N, C-alpha and C. Protein backbone atom coordinates (compact mmCIF):
# COMPACT_ATOMS: atom_id res chain seq x y z
N MET A 1 -18.62 -49.59 -41.93
CA MET A 1 -17.20 -49.25 -42.04
C MET A 1 -17.03 -47.75 -41.94
N ALA A 2 -15.87 -47.36 -41.48
CA ALA A 2 -15.54 -45.95 -41.31
C ALA A 2 -14.27 -45.65 -42.11
N ARG A 3 -14.01 -44.38 -42.27
CA ARG A 3 -12.78 -43.96 -42.96
C ARG A 3 -11.78 -43.42 -41.96
N PHE A 4 -10.51 -43.65 -42.29
CA PHE A 4 -9.41 -43.24 -41.43
C PHE A 4 -8.32 -42.62 -42.27
N VAL A 5 -7.68 -41.59 -41.70
CA VAL A 5 -6.56 -40.92 -42.34
C VAL A 5 -5.27 -41.44 -41.71
N LEU A 6 -4.32 -41.74 -42.56
CA LEU A 6 -3.00 -42.16 -42.14
C LEU A 6 -2.03 -41.01 -42.41
N TRP A 7 -1.19 -40.71 -41.46
CA TRP A 7 -0.13 -39.71 -41.63
C TRP A 7 1.13 -40.29 -41.02
N GLY A 8 2.22 -40.24 -41.74
CA GLY A 8 3.45 -40.81 -41.21
C GLY A 8 4.68 -40.21 -41.84
N THR A 9 5.82 -40.71 -41.41
CA THR A 9 7.10 -40.21 -41.90
C THR A 9 7.91 -41.33 -42.53
N TYR A 10 8.77 -40.93 -43.46
CA TYR A 10 9.71 -41.83 -44.11
C TYR A 10 11.08 -41.71 -43.45
N CYS A 11 11.88 -42.75 -43.58
CA CYS A 11 13.26 -42.71 -43.11
C CYS A 11 14.08 -41.78 -44.01
N ASN A 12 15.28 -41.46 -43.56
CA ASN A 12 16.21 -40.72 -44.41
C ASN A 12 16.58 -41.62 -45.59
N ASP A 13 16.77 -41.03 -46.74
CA ASP A 13 17.13 -41.76 -47.96
C ASP A 13 16.11 -42.82 -48.34
N ALA A 14 14.83 -42.51 -48.10
CA ALA A 14 13.75 -43.47 -48.36
C ALA A 14 13.71 -43.92 -49.81
N LEU A 15 13.96 -43.02 -50.75
CA LEU A 15 13.88 -43.40 -52.16
C LEU A 15 14.89 -44.49 -52.50
N GLU A 16 16.05 -44.45 -51.89
CA GLU A 16 17.07 -45.48 -52.13
C GLU A 16 16.76 -46.75 -51.34
N LYS A 17 16.39 -46.59 -50.08
CA LYS A 17 16.18 -47.74 -49.20
C LYS A 17 14.94 -48.55 -49.57
N ARG A 18 13.95 -47.93 -50.20
CA ARG A 18 12.72 -48.65 -50.52
C ARG A 18 12.86 -49.55 -51.76
N THR A 19 13.87 -49.30 -52.57
CA THR A 19 14.00 -49.98 -53.88
C THR A 19 13.80 -51.49 -53.83
N PRO A 20 14.47 -52.24 -52.94
CA PRO A 20 14.30 -53.70 -52.98
C PRO A 20 12.92 -54.17 -52.52
N PHE A 21 12.14 -53.29 -51.92
CA PHE A 21 10.84 -53.66 -51.35
C PHE A 21 9.65 -53.08 -52.10
N ARG A 22 9.93 -52.22 -53.07
CA ARG A 22 8.87 -51.43 -53.71
C ARG A 22 7.84 -52.28 -54.45
N ASP A 23 8.27 -53.28 -55.22
CA ASP A 23 7.32 -54.10 -55.96
C ASP A 23 6.35 -54.82 -55.03
N GLU A 24 6.88 -55.39 -53.96
CA GLU A 24 6.01 -56.06 -52.98
C GLU A 24 5.04 -55.08 -52.34
N HIS A 25 5.53 -53.91 -51.99
CA HIS A 25 4.71 -52.86 -51.38
C HIS A 25 3.58 -52.45 -52.32
N LEU A 26 3.90 -52.16 -53.57
CA LEU A 26 2.88 -51.72 -54.52
C LEU A 26 1.87 -52.82 -54.83
N SER A 27 2.32 -54.05 -54.88
CA SER A 27 1.42 -55.18 -55.12
C SER A 27 0.41 -55.30 -53.98
N ARG A 28 0.89 -55.16 -52.77
CA ARG A 28 -0.02 -55.24 -51.61
C ARG A 28 -0.99 -54.07 -51.59
N LEU A 29 -0.52 -52.88 -51.92
CA LEU A 29 -1.41 -51.72 -51.98
C LEU A 29 -2.50 -51.94 -53.03
N SER A 30 -2.14 -52.52 -54.13
CA SER A 30 -3.12 -52.81 -55.19
C SER A 30 -4.19 -53.77 -54.68
N GLU A 31 -3.79 -54.79 -53.93
CA GLU A 31 -4.75 -55.72 -53.35
C GLU A 31 -5.68 -55.02 -52.36
N LEU A 32 -5.11 -54.15 -51.52
CA LEU A 32 -5.92 -53.41 -50.55
C LEU A 32 -6.90 -52.47 -51.26
N LYS A 33 -6.47 -51.87 -52.34
CA LYS A 33 -7.33 -50.97 -53.12
C LYS A 33 -8.47 -51.77 -53.76
N GLN A 34 -8.15 -52.90 -54.36
CA GLN A 34 -9.18 -53.73 -55.00
C GLN A 34 -10.21 -54.25 -53.99
N SER A 35 -9.78 -54.49 -52.76
CA SER A 35 -10.69 -54.99 -51.74
C SER A 35 -11.54 -53.88 -51.12
N GLY A 36 -11.21 -52.63 -51.44
CA GLY A 36 -11.96 -51.49 -50.90
C GLY A 36 -11.46 -50.98 -49.57
N ARG A 37 -10.41 -51.56 -49.05
CA ARG A 37 -9.88 -51.10 -47.76
C ARG A 37 -8.99 -49.87 -47.89
N LEU A 38 -8.33 -49.72 -49.04
CA LEU A 38 -7.48 -48.56 -49.29
C LEU A 38 -8.14 -47.65 -50.31
N ILE A 39 -8.31 -46.40 -49.94
CA ILE A 39 -8.88 -45.41 -50.86
C ILE A 39 -7.75 -44.76 -51.66
N THR A 40 -6.74 -44.28 -50.97
CA THR A 40 -5.58 -43.67 -51.61
C THR A 40 -4.41 -43.67 -50.64
N LEU A 41 -3.19 -43.63 -51.18
CA LEU A 41 -2.00 -43.57 -50.34
C LEU A 41 -0.83 -43.11 -51.19
N GLY A 42 0.02 -42.29 -50.62
CA GLY A 42 1.20 -41.86 -51.34
C GLY A 42 2.05 -40.91 -50.53
N PRO A 43 3.25 -40.63 -51.05
CA PRO A 43 4.17 -39.74 -50.35
C PRO A 43 3.89 -38.27 -50.66
N THR A 44 4.35 -37.43 -49.76
CA THR A 44 4.37 -36.01 -50.05
C THR A 44 5.54 -35.74 -50.99
N GLU A 45 5.53 -34.59 -51.61
CA GLU A 45 6.66 -34.22 -52.47
C GLU A 45 7.93 -34.26 -51.63
N GLY A 46 8.96 -34.87 -52.16
CA GLY A 46 10.20 -35.03 -51.42
C GLY A 46 10.25 -36.30 -50.60
N SER A 47 9.15 -37.05 -50.58
CA SER A 47 9.06 -38.34 -49.87
C SER A 47 9.51 -38.25 -48.41
N THR A 48 9.03 -37.22 -47.72
CA THR A 48 9.32 -37.10 -46.30
C THR A 48 8.18 -37.63 -45.44
N HIS A 49 6.95 -37.58 -45.99
CA HIS A 49 5.77 -38.03 -45.27
C HIS A 49 4.90 -38.90 -46.17
N VAL A 50 4.09 -39.75 -45.54
CA VAL A 50 3.13 -40.57 -46.26
C VAL A 50 1.73 -40.18 -45.78
N PHE A 51 0.79 -40.14 -46.72
CA PHE A 51 -0.60 -39.81 -46.43
C PHE A 51 -1.47 -40.89 -47.05
N GLY A 52 -2.50 -41.31 -46.34
CA GLY A 52 -3.41 -42.30 -46.90
C GLY A 52 -4.80 -42.18 -46.31
N ILE A 53 -5.75 -42.76 -47.02
CA ILE A 53 -7.12 -42.87 -46.53
C ILE A 53 -7.53 -44.33 -46.66
N PHE A 54 -7.99 -44.89 -45.56
CA PHE A 54 -8.41 -46.28 -45.49
C PHE A 54 -9.89 -46.36 -45.10
N GLU A 55 -10.51 -47.47 -45.46
CA GLU A 55 -11.86 -47.78 -45.00
C GLU A 55 -11.76 -49.08 -44.20
N ALA A 56 -12.20 -49.03 -42.95
CA ALA A 56 -12.04 -50.18 -42.07
C ALA A 56 -13.06 -50.11 -40.93
N ASP A 57 -13.11 -51.18 -40.15
CA ASP A 57 -14.02 -51.21 -39.00
C ASP A 57 -13.48 -50.43 -37.81
N SER A 58 -12.15 -50.32 -37.70
CA SER A 58 -11.58 -49.64 -36.54
C SER A 58 -10.19 -49.10 -36.85
N ARG A 59 -9.73 -48.23 -36.00
CA ARG A 59 -8.37 -47.70 -36.08
C ARG A 59 -7.36 -48.83 -35.95
N GLU A 60 -7.66 -49.79 -35.08
CA GLU A 60 -6.77 -50.92 -34.87
C GLU A 60 -6.62 -51.76 -36.15
N ASP A 61 -7.71 -51.88 -36.91
CA ASP A 61 -7.63 -52.60 -38.19
C ASP A 61 -6.67 -51.91 -39.15
N VAL A 62 -6.74 -50.58 -39.22
CA VAL A 62 -5.84 -49.83 -40.10
C VAL A 62 -4.41 -49.96 -39.60
N GLN A 63 -4.23 -49.84 -38.30
CA GLN A 63 -2.89 -49.98 -37.72
C GLN A 63 -2.30 -51.34 -38.07
N ALA A 64 -3.10 -52.39 -37.99
CA ALA A 64 -2.63 -53.74 -38.33
C ALA A 64 -2.26 -53.84 -39.81
N LEU A 65 -3.05 -53.23 -40.68
CA LEU A 65 -2.73 -53.23 -42.11
C LEU A 65 -1.39 -52.55 -42.36
N VAL A 66 -1.18 -51.43 -41.70
CA VAL A 66 0.06 -50.67 -41.88
C VAL A 66 1.25 -51.45 -41.34
N GLU A 67 1.09 -52.03 -40.17
CA GLU A 67 2.21 -52.74 -39.55
C GLU A 67 2.56 -54.03 -40.30
N ALA A 68 1.66 -54.52 -41.15
CA ALA A 68 1.95 -55.70 -41.98
C ALA A 68 2.64 -55.32 -43.29
N ASP A 69 2.70 -54.03 -43.60
CA ASP A 69 3.31 -53.58 -44.85
C ASP A 69 4.83 -53.67 -44.77
N ILE A 70 5.46 -54.07 -45.85
CA ILE A 70 6.92 -54.21 -45.88
C ILE A 70 7.64 -52.88 -45.64
N TYR A 71 7.00 -51.77 -45.99
CA TYR A 71 7.64 -50.47 -45.70
C TYR A 71 7.71 -50.23 -44.20
N TRP A 72 6.79 -50.78 -43.43
CA TRP A 72 6.85 -50.64 -41.98
C TRP A 72 7.86 -51.64 -41.41
N THR A 73 7.77 -52.90 -41.84
CA THR A 73 8.65 -53.92 -41.26
C THR A 73 10.11 -53.67 -41.61
N GLN A 74 10.37 -53.02 -42.74
CA GLN A 74 11.75 -52.72 -43.15
C GLN A 74 12.17 -51.30 -42.76
N LYS A 75 11.31 -50.63 -41.98
CA LYS A 75 11.62 -49.30 -41.42
C LYS A 75 11.78 -48.20 -42.47
N ILE A 76 11.08 -48.36 -43.59
CA ILE A 76 11.01 -47.29 -44.58
C ILE A 76 10.07 -46.21 -44.04
N TRP A 77 8.94 -46.65 -43.49
CA TRP A 77 8.07 -45.75 -42.72
C TRP A 77 8.57 -45.79 -41.28
N THR A 78 8.76 -44.63 -40.68
CA THR A 78 9.35 -44.58 -39.35
C THR A 78 8.36 -44.24 -38.25
N GLN A 79 7.28 -43.57 -38.61
CA GLN A 79 6.25 -43.23 -37.62
C GLN A 79 4.93 -43.14 -38.36
N ILE A 80 3.89 -43.68 -37.73
CA ILE A 80 2.56 -43.70 -38.35
C ILE A 80 1.53 -43.25 -37.31
N GLU A 81 0.62 -42.39 -37.74
CA GLU A 81 -0.52 -41.99 -36.92
C GLU A 81 -1.78 -42.24 -37.73
N VAL A 82 -2.81 -42.76 -37.08
CA VAL A 82 -4.08 -43.06 -37.73
C VAL A 82 -5.18 -42.31 -36.99
N TYR A 83 -6.01 -41.58 -37.76
CA TYR A 83 -7.08 -40.79 -37.18
C TYR A 83 -8.41 -41.12 -37.84
N PRO A 84 -9.49 -41.22 -37.06
CA PRO A 84 -10.82 -41.34 -37.67
C PRO A 84 -11.07 -40.09 -38.51
N TRP A 85 -11.73 -40.26 -39.64
CA TRP A 85 -11.95 -39.14 -40.56
C TRP A 85 -13.41 -39.07 -40.95
N ILE A 86 -13.94 -37.88 -40.93
CA ILE A 86 -15.30 -37.62 -41.39
C ILE A 86 -15.20 -36.85 -42.69
N GLN A 87 -15.63 -37.46 -43.77
CA GLN A 87 -15.57 -36.81 -45.07
C GLN A 87 -16.75 -35.84 -45.17
N ALA A 88 -16.46 -34.57 -45.27
CA ALA A 88 -17.51 -33.54 -45.31
C ALA A 88 -18.20 -33.52 -46.68
N PHE A 89 -17.42 -33.63 -47.75
CA PHE A 89 -17.97 -33.72 -49.11
C PHE A 89 -16.89 -34.11 -50.07
C-alpha cells in the first residue's frame, strides 16, 4: 500500500450546507480510519479547503473513496486532487 495526499475545496457556506450530512460523513470517516485507509482528514481554518492523507493501493482507489463520500455527492466538496505522497519522516 502507498500513501496519498488529498487536497480540495469546499463550497461557499460549507459550514451551513454540511449540517444535514455531517453525522453520516463523520461516521464513514471513522470507518475508514478504523480500517487503516484514512490516516487523517480535515478542513483548513475557515473551512475553505480540505486536506487528507490516505493509505491505498492506487490513486484511483482514493478517488473512489472520496467520490463515495456524502460531502462529494452533495457538493460540499467542490474540487478534489489526489497526489502520491512519500513520507520523508
